[in-house]
C-alpha atoms as a PDB file:
ATOM      1  CA  MET A   1      -0.036  -0.084   0.256  1.00  0.00           C
ATOM      2  CA  LYS A   2       1.332   3.726  -0.871  1.00  0.00           C
ATOM      3  CA  PHE A   3       0.351   6.682   1.032  1.00  0.00           C
ATOM      4  CA  LYS A   4       1.137  10.366  -0.003  1.00  0.00           C
ATOM      5  CA  VAL A   5       2.209  12.243   2.960  1.00  0.00           C
ATOM      6  CA  THR A   6       2.164  16.286   2.799  1.00  0.00           C
ATOM      7  CA  VAL A   7       5.390  17.942   3.798  1.00  0.00           C
ATOM      8  CA  GLU A   8       6.087  21.810   3.899  1.00  0.00           C
ATOM      9  CA  LYS A   9       9.010  24.211   4.303  1.00  0.00           C
ATOM     10  CA  THR A  10       8.576  27.738   5.244  1.00  0.00           C
ATOM     11  CA  LEU A  11       9.357  30.455   2.734  1.00  0.00           C
ATOM     12  CA  TYR A  12       9.772  33.749   3.638  1.00  0.00           C
ATOM     13  CA  CYS A  13      10.584  37.395   1.923  1.00  0.00           C
ATOM     14  CA  SER A  14      11.555  40.411   3.518  1.00  0.00           C
ATOM     15  CA  GLY A  15      11.629  43.922   1.939  1.00  0.00           C
ATOM     16  CA  VAL A  16      11.979  47.738   2.246  1.00  0.00           C
ATOM     17  CA  VAL A  17       8.994  50.344   3.229  1.00  0.00           C
ATOM     18  CA  GLU A  18      10.121  53.709   2.187  1.00  0.00           C
ATOM     19  CA  VAL A  19       8.249  56.507   4.628  1.00  0.00           C
ATOM     20  CA  ASP A  20       8.866  60.106   5.491  1.00  0.00           C
ATOM     21  CA  ALA A  21      10.128  60.802   8.920  1.00  0.00           C
ATOM     22  CA  ARG A  22      12.345  62.887  11.030  1.00  0.00           C
ATOM     23  CA  ASN A  23      14.537  59.967  12.051  1.00  0.00           C
ATOM     24  CA  SER A  24      15.011  56.340  12.241  1.00  0.00           C
ATOM     25  CA  ASP A  25      12.820  55.876  15.495  1.00  0.00           C
ATOM     26  CA  GLU A  26       9.958  57.832  14.015  1.00  0.00           C
ATOM     27  CA  ALA A  27      10.425  55.791  10.671  1.00  0.00           C
ATOM     28  CA  PHE A  28      10.272  52.344  12.669  1.00  0.00           C
ATOM     29  CA  LYS A  29       7.206  53.543  14.561  1.00  0.00           C
ATOM     30  CA  LYS A  30       5.497  54.597  11.440  1.00  0.00           C
ATOM     31  CA  VAL A  31       5.819  51.162   9.694  1.00  0.00           C
ATOM     32  CA  SER A  32       4.912  49.367  13.042  1.00  0.00           C
ATOM     33  CA  LYS A  33       1.740  51.536  13.176  1.00  0.00           C
ATOM     34  CA  LEU A  34       0.938  50.758   9.523  1.00  0.00           C
ATOM     35  CA  ILE A  35       1.438  46.720  10.227  1.00  0.00           C
ATOM     36  CA  GLN A  36      -0.541  46.970  13.426  1.00  0.00           C
ATOM     37  CA  SER A  37      -3.568  48.682  11.965  1.00  0.00           C
ATOM     38  CA  GLY A  38      -3.625  46.235   8.811  1.00  0.00           C
ATOM     39  CA  LYS A  39      -2.904  49.596   6.590  1.00  0.00           C
ATOM     40  CA  LEU A  40       0.454  48.045   5.182  1.00  0.00           C
ATOM     41  CA  GLN A  41      -0.258  46.577   1.848  1.00  0.00           C
ATOM     42  CA  THR A  42       2.211  44.247   0.042  1.00  0.00           C
ATOM     43  CA  THR A  43       1.890  46.434  -2.818  1.00  0.00           C
ATOM     44  CA  MET A  44       3.556  49.112  -0.647  1.00  0.00           C
ATOM     45  CA  VAL A  45       6.801  47.080  -0.004  1.00  0.00           C
ATOM     46  CA  ASN A  46       9.920  46.742  -2.214  1.00  0.00           C
ATOM     47  CA  TRP A  47      10.159  42.744  -1.941  1.00  0.00           C
ATOM     48  CA  ASP A  48      13.613  40.865  -2.311  1.00  0.00           C
ATOM     49  CA  ASP A  49      13.510  37.383  -3.544  1.00  0.00           C
ATOM     50  CA  PRO A  50      12.006  34.597  -1.755  1.00  0.00           C
ATOM     51  CA  GLU A  51      14.265  32.390   0.421  1.00  0.00           C
ATOM     52  CA  TYR A  52      13.530  29.029   2.113  1.00  0.00           C
ATOM     53  CA  GLN A  53      13.885  29.194   5.985  1.00  0.00           C
ATOM     54  CA  ASP A  54      16.461  26.515   7.198  1.00  0.00           C
ATOM     55  CA  GLY A  55      15.361  23.749   9.477  1.00  0.00           C
ATOM     56  CA  THR A  56      11.439  23.973   8.739  1.00  0.00           C
ATOM     57  CA  PHE A  57      11.024  20.961   6.475  1.00  0.00           C
ATOM     58  CA  GLN A  58       8.069  19.074   8.368  1.00  0.00           C
ATOM     59  CA  THR A  59       5.078  17.057   7.769  1.00  0.00           C
ATOM     60  CA  THR A  60       1.669  18.623   7.848  1.00  0.00           C
ATOM     61  CA  GLY A  61       0.058  15.552   9.508  1.00  0.00           C
ATOM     62  CA  ASP A  62      -1.877  15.301   6.078  1.00  0.00           C
ATOM     63  CA  ILE A  63      -2.325  11.823   4.739  1.00  0.00           C
ATOM     64  CA  TYR A  64      -3.950  10.276   1.806  1.00  0.00           C
END
């Protein structure tokens, strides 16, 4: 008998958001506030290439 077991590996992207601010602390706070309020859209971010996160290869528990 053969089974298919679903596996996954975490993929992540990092990027840059440009904001006007008086200093780096204010820039950080502005971006954090955008994230917390749900107003930061993915289109507002200049994304780098995606990368797989090391050590995240695992099964999901789905078997069929």
